[in-house]
Amino acid sequence: MEEHSHTPADIKARLTGTSRFFYLRDLVYGGIDGAITTFAIVAGVQGAGLATSVILILGAANIVADGFSMAAGNYSATKADLDDRKRIIEVEKRHIRDHRSGELEELRQILEMRGLSGQTLVDATDLIAKDTEKWIGFMLTDEYGLSSEEPRPFRAALATFFAFLLAGSVPLLPFVFALDTAFNVSIIATALTFFFIGTAKSRWSSAKWWYSGLETLLIGSTAASVAYLIGTLFHP
């Protein structure tokens, strides 16, 4: 099965549109952290032998406060990337204006490293240099190694918070519904959440779905086990 279509229209839409997976990192990051931190609270409180009400209070507080904190941190980090990108754009604009010959040489050498030579190299350099915006965009990716897509801090923060809220609620639900074996159900539900996140992110990697799922499950289980063991140290 092909990953995507190769018709002229589909190619143009794919190359000029926003990537559907631009917020994959934010979703995975928020989901894993939400499940880990909330279940760590559940496991720690359970290990200490405290009341179910403590699990619900601390768990709910974690989902809201820690989720917001993560979203705010991701917003700030993404905003810093955006600000740096804008700074570089202004630098390139100034260099193109004041040191055009040097910038043309940079462009030529980059294209040469890409395999162009002779008259083709000359023509490509001249063609790109005719459009300052496209020229700067080319330098952002090839000189500075930045993404071709501009970071969007608010959307990145929303993706992180949404994933944190969704995955972080899973360990608490058995206690919300007051199930007789709430902790056991929470363990199974959280483990399945880790595994699902891992298998989902394998869609955009070369790793096998089961390997990615088990890897994420191992990471989450390790964190949860540590929290439970620490909690048992305070059991009366």
Protein backbone atom coordinates (compact mmCIF):
# COMPACT_ATOMS: atom_id res chain seq x y z
CA MET A 1 0.00 0.00 0.00
CA GLU A 2 1.36 3.41 -1.01
CA GLU A 3 1.82 6.05 1.70
CA HIS A 4 0.33 8.81 -0.49
CA SER A 5 -0.89 9.55 -3.99
CA HIS A 6 1.42 10.82 -6.74
CA THR A 7 -1.07 12.64 -8.96
CA PRO A 8 -0.01 16.21 -9.85
CA ALA A 9 -2.87 17.72 -7.85
CA ASP A 10 -2.17 15.63 -4.74
CA ILE A 11 1.55 16.36 -4.92
CA LYS A 12 0.90 20.11 -5.11
CA ALA A 13 -1.53 19.98 -2.17
CA ARG A 14 0.92 17.96 -0.08
CA LEU A 15 3.89 20.24 -0.76
CA THR A 16 2.05 23.53 -0.26
CA GLY A 17 -0.30 22.57 2.58
CA THR A 18 0.28 22.30 6.32
CA SER A 19 1.41 18.89 7.47
CA ARG A 20 -1.35 16.85 9.09
CA PHE A 21 1.17 15.50 11.55
CA PHE A 22 2.74 18.80 12.59
CA TYR A 23 1.48 18.39 16.17
CA LEU A 24 2.29 14.70 16.50
CA ARG A 25 5.14 15.42 18.94
CA ASP A 26 2.87 17.59 21.11
CA LEU A 27 0.12 14.95 21.20
CA VAL A 28 2.46 12.07 22.03
CA TYR A 29 4.35 14.13 24.60
CA GLY A 30 1.18 15.29 26.34
CA GLY A 31 -0.49 11.87 26.21
CA ILE A 32 2.41 9.92 27.66
CA ASP A 33 3.11 12.46 30.39
CA GLY A 34 -0.57 12.71 31.29
CA ALA A 35 -0.96 8.96 31.70
CA ILE A 36 2.34 8.58 33.55
CA THR A 37 1.92 11.41 36.05
CA THR A 38 -1.71 10.65 36.86
CA PHE A 39 -1.13 6.93 37.27
CA ALA A 40 1.97 7.70 39.33
CA ILE A 41 -0.32 9.55 41.74
CA VAL A 42 -2.83 6.67 41.73
CA ALA A 43 -0.07 4.10 42.31
CA GLY A 44 1.67 6.17 44.97
CA VAL A 45 -1.52 6.84 46.94
CA GLN A 46 -2.61 3.22 46.57
CA GLY A 47 0.79 2.04 47.71
CA ALA A 48 0.54 4.25 50.77
CA GLY A 49 -2.87 2.80 51.58
CA LEU A 50 -4.68 6.14 51.54
CA ALA A 51 -8.37 6.71 50.82
CA THR A 52 -9.88 6.74 47.33
CA SER A 53 -10.91 10.36 47.85
CA VAL A 54 -7.22 11.30 48.02
CA ILE A 55 -6.64 9.63 44.64
CA LEU A 56 -9.51 11.57 43.09
CA ILE A 57 -8.47 14.91 44.57
CA LEU A 58 -4.79 14.63 43.71
CA GLY A 59 -5.50 13.05 40.34
CA ALA A 60 -7.94 15.76 39.28
CA ALA A 61 -5.59 18.47 40.50
CA ASN A 62 -2.76 16.89 38.52
CA ILE A 63 -4.76 16.71 35.31
CA VAL A 64 -5.73 20.37 35.44
CA ALA A 65 -2.63 21.95 37.00
CA ASP A 66 0.09 19.80 35.47
CA GLY A 67 -1.72 19.70 32.14
CA PHE A 68 -1.91 23.48 32.08
CA SER A 69 1.71 23.73 33.18
CA MET A 70 2.84 21.45 30.36
CA ALA A 71 0.76 23.37 27.84
CA ALA A 72 2.18 26.68 29.07
CA GLY A 73 5.72 25.31 28.92
CA ASN A 74 5.19 24.00 25.41
CA TYR A 75 3.70 27.35 24.39
CA SER A 76 6.74 29.21 25.72
CA ALA A 77 9.19 26.84 24.06
CA THR A 78 7.37 26.94 20.72
CA LYS A 79 7.05 30.74 20.98
CA ALA A 80 10.81 30.93 21.53
CA ASP A 81 11.33 28.90 18.34
CA LEU A 82 8.97 31.23 16.50
CA ASP A 83 10.73 34.34 17.80
CA ASP A 84 14.10 32.93 16.80
CA ARG A 85 12.74 32.14 13.35
CA LYS A 86 11.51 35.74 12.97
CA ARG A 87 14.92 37.02 14.11
CA ILE A 88 16.69 34.89 11.50
CA ILE A 89 14.32 36.11 8.79
CA GLU A 90 15.14 39.72 9.65
CA VAL A 91 18.87 38.88 9.63
CA GLU A 92 18.58 37.28 6.19
CA LYS A 93 16.59 40.22 4.85
CA ARG A 94 19.29 42.60 6.05
CA HIS A 95 22.08 40.45 4.63
CA ILE A 96 20.35 40.16 1.26
CA ARG A 97 19.98 43.94 1.21
CA ASP A 98 23.47 44.84 2.44
CA HIS A 99 25.56 41.83 1.37
CA ARG A 100 23.73 40.48 -1.64
CA SER A 101 26.79 39.04 -3.37
CA GLY A 102 27.74 37.07 -0.26
CA GLU A 103 24.23 35.71 0.14
CA LEU A 104 24.17 34.73 -3.54
CA GLU A 105 27.39 32.80 -2.99
CA GLU A 106 25.85 31.02 0.02
CA LEU A 107 22.84 30.09 -2.11
CA ARG A 108 25.06 28.89 -4.93
CA GLN A 109 27.15 26.70 -2.65
CA ILE A 110 24.07 25.16 -1.04
CA LEU A 111 22.68 24.27 -4.45
CA GLU A 112 26.06 22.95 -5.50
CA MET A 113 26.12 20.65 -2.46
CA ARG A 114 22.72 19.42 -3.57
CA GLY A 115 24.28 18.21 -6.81
CA LEU A 116 23.71 21.09 -9.22
CA SER A 117 26.54 22.24 -11.45
CA GLY A 118 27.36 24.22 -14.57
CA GLN A 119 24.70 26.35 -16.21
CA THR A 120 21.97 24.56 -14.27
CA LEU A 121 23.55 25.79 -11.04
CA VAL A 122 23.76 29.36 -12.34
CA ASP A 123 20.16 29.34 -13.59
CA ALA A 124 18.79 27.85 -10.36
CA THR A 125 20.66 30.41 -8.24
CA ASP A 126 19.33 33.31 -10.32
CA LEU A 127 15.79 31.92 -10.33
CA ILE A 128 15.56 31.48 -6.56
CA ALA A 129 17.18 34.88 -5.92
CA LYS A 130 14.45 36.63 -7.93
CA ASP A 131 11.91 36.00 -5.17
CA THR A 132 13.23 37.27 -1.81
CA GLU A 133 10.56 35.48 0.24
CA LYS A 134 11.25 32.12 -1.36
CA TRP A 135 14.98 32.77 -1.14
CA ILE A 136 14.74 33.35 2.60
CA GLY A 137 12.53 30.29 2.99
CA PHE A 138 15.16 28.23 1.19
CA MET A 139 17.90 29.54 3.50
CA LEU A 140 15.82 28.79 6.60
CA THR A 141 15.66 25.10 5.76
CA ASP A 142 19.07 24.61 4.13
CA GLU A 143 21.32 27.00 6.02
CA TYR A 144 19.70 26.96 9.46
CA GLY A 145 18.02 23.56 9.39
CA LEU A 146 14.60 24.93 10.39
CA SER A 147 11.26 23.43 9.42
CA SER A 148 9.54 24.77 6.34
CA GLU A 149 6.42 25.29 8.47
CA GLU A 150 6.15 28.15 10.94
CA PRO A 151 5.65 27.06 14.57
CA ARG A 152 2.22 27.83 16.05
CA PRO A 153 2.58 28.12 19.83
CA PHE A 154 -1.11 28.28 20.75
CA ARG A 155 -2.05 25.23 18.70
CA ALA A 156 0.93 23.30 20.06
CA ALA A 157 -0.16 24.15 23.61
CA LEU A 158 -3.76 23.08 22.92
CA ALA A 159 -2.58 19.76 21.44
CA THR A 160 -0.45 19.08 24.52
CA PHE A 161 -3.21 19.98 26.97
CA PHE A 162 -5.87 17.98 25.12
CA ALA A 163 -3.69 14.87 24.97
CA PHE A 164 -2.69 15.27 28.63
CA LEU A 165 -6.31 15.67 29.71
CA LEU A 166 -7.51 12.69 27.68
CA ALA A 167 -4.79 10.22 28.62
CA GLY A 168 -4.50 11.50 32.17
CA SER A 169 -8.18 10.82 32.84
CA VAL A 170 -7.85 7.10 32.10
CA PRO A 171 -6.19 6.02 35.39
CA LEU A 172 -8.83 7.91 37.39
CA LEU A 173 -12.00 6.64 35.71
CA PRO A 174 -12.20 3.32 37.62
CA PHE A 175 -12.11 5.30 40.89
CA VAL A 176 -14.66 7.82 39.63
CA PHE A 177 -17.09 4.95 38.97
CA ALA A 178 -16.14 3.34 42.31
CA LEU A 179 -15.38 -0.08 40.83
CA ASP A 180 -14.65 -2.88 43.29
CA THR A 181 -11.28 -3.61 41.68
CA ALA A 182 -10.58 0.00 40.70
CA PHE A 183 -6.80 -0.19 41.06
CA ASN A 184 -6.50 -3.35 38.96
CA VAL A 185 -8.74 -1.88 36.29
CA SER A 186 -6.69 1.33 36.38
CA ILE A 187 -3.50 -0.65 35.84
CA ILE A 188 -4.94 -2.46 32.81
CA ALA A 189 -6.54 0.69 31.34
CA THR A 190 -3.35 2.73 31.76
CA ALA A 191 -1.21 -0.03 30.27
CA LEU A 192 -3.52 -0.19 27.26
CA THR A 193 -3.27 3.61 26.96
CA PHE A 194 0.53 3.44 26.89
CA PHE A 195 0.41 0.65 24.33
CA PHE A 196 -2.14 2.51 22.18
CA ILE A 197 -0.06 5.70 22.17
CA GLY A 198 2.97 3.68 21.12
CA THR A 199 1.16 1.88 18.32
CA ALA A 200 -0.39 5.17 17.14
CA LYS A 201 2.96 6.96 16.87
CA SER A 202 4.42 3.98 14.94
CA ARG A 203 2.18 5.12 12.07
CA TRP A 204 4.75 7.86 11.44
CA SER A 205 7.93 5.87 12.06
CA SER A 206 9.69 2.84 10.62
CA ALA A 207 9.27 0.85 13.86
CA LYS A 208 6.83 -2.06 14.00
CA TRP A 209 3.54 -1.19 15.70
CA TRP A 210 3.97 -3.82 18.38
CA TYR A 211 7.57 -2.75 19.10
CA SER A 212 6.61 0.92 19.44
CA GLY A 213 3.65 -0.06 21.62
CA LEU A 214 5.75 -2.24 23.93
CA GLU A 215 8.47 0.41 24.14
CA THR A 216 5.99 3.06 25.29
CA LEU A 217 4.37 0.55 27.66
CA LEU A 218 7.76 -0.21 29.20
CA ILE A 219 8.53 3.49 29.75
CA GLY A 220 5.17 4.15 31.39
CA SER A 221 5.21 0.98 33.47
CA THR A 222 8.65 1.77 34.82
CA ALA A 223 7.58 5.23 35.99
CA ALA A 224 4.39 3.84 37.54
CA SER A 225 6.27 1.05 39.34
CA VAL A 226 8.71 3.52 40.87
CA ALA A 227 5.81 5.65 42.13
CA TYR A 228 4.07 2.62 43.64
CA LEU A 229 7.23 1.43 45.39
CA ILE A 230 7.82 4.88 46.86
CA GLY A 231 4.22 4.95 48.05
CA THR A 232 4.64 1.63 49.87
CA LEU A 233 7.43 3.18 51.93
CA PHE A 234 4.81 5.40 53.60
CA HIS A 235 2.21 2.68 54.09
CA PRO A 236 1.20 2.55 57.77
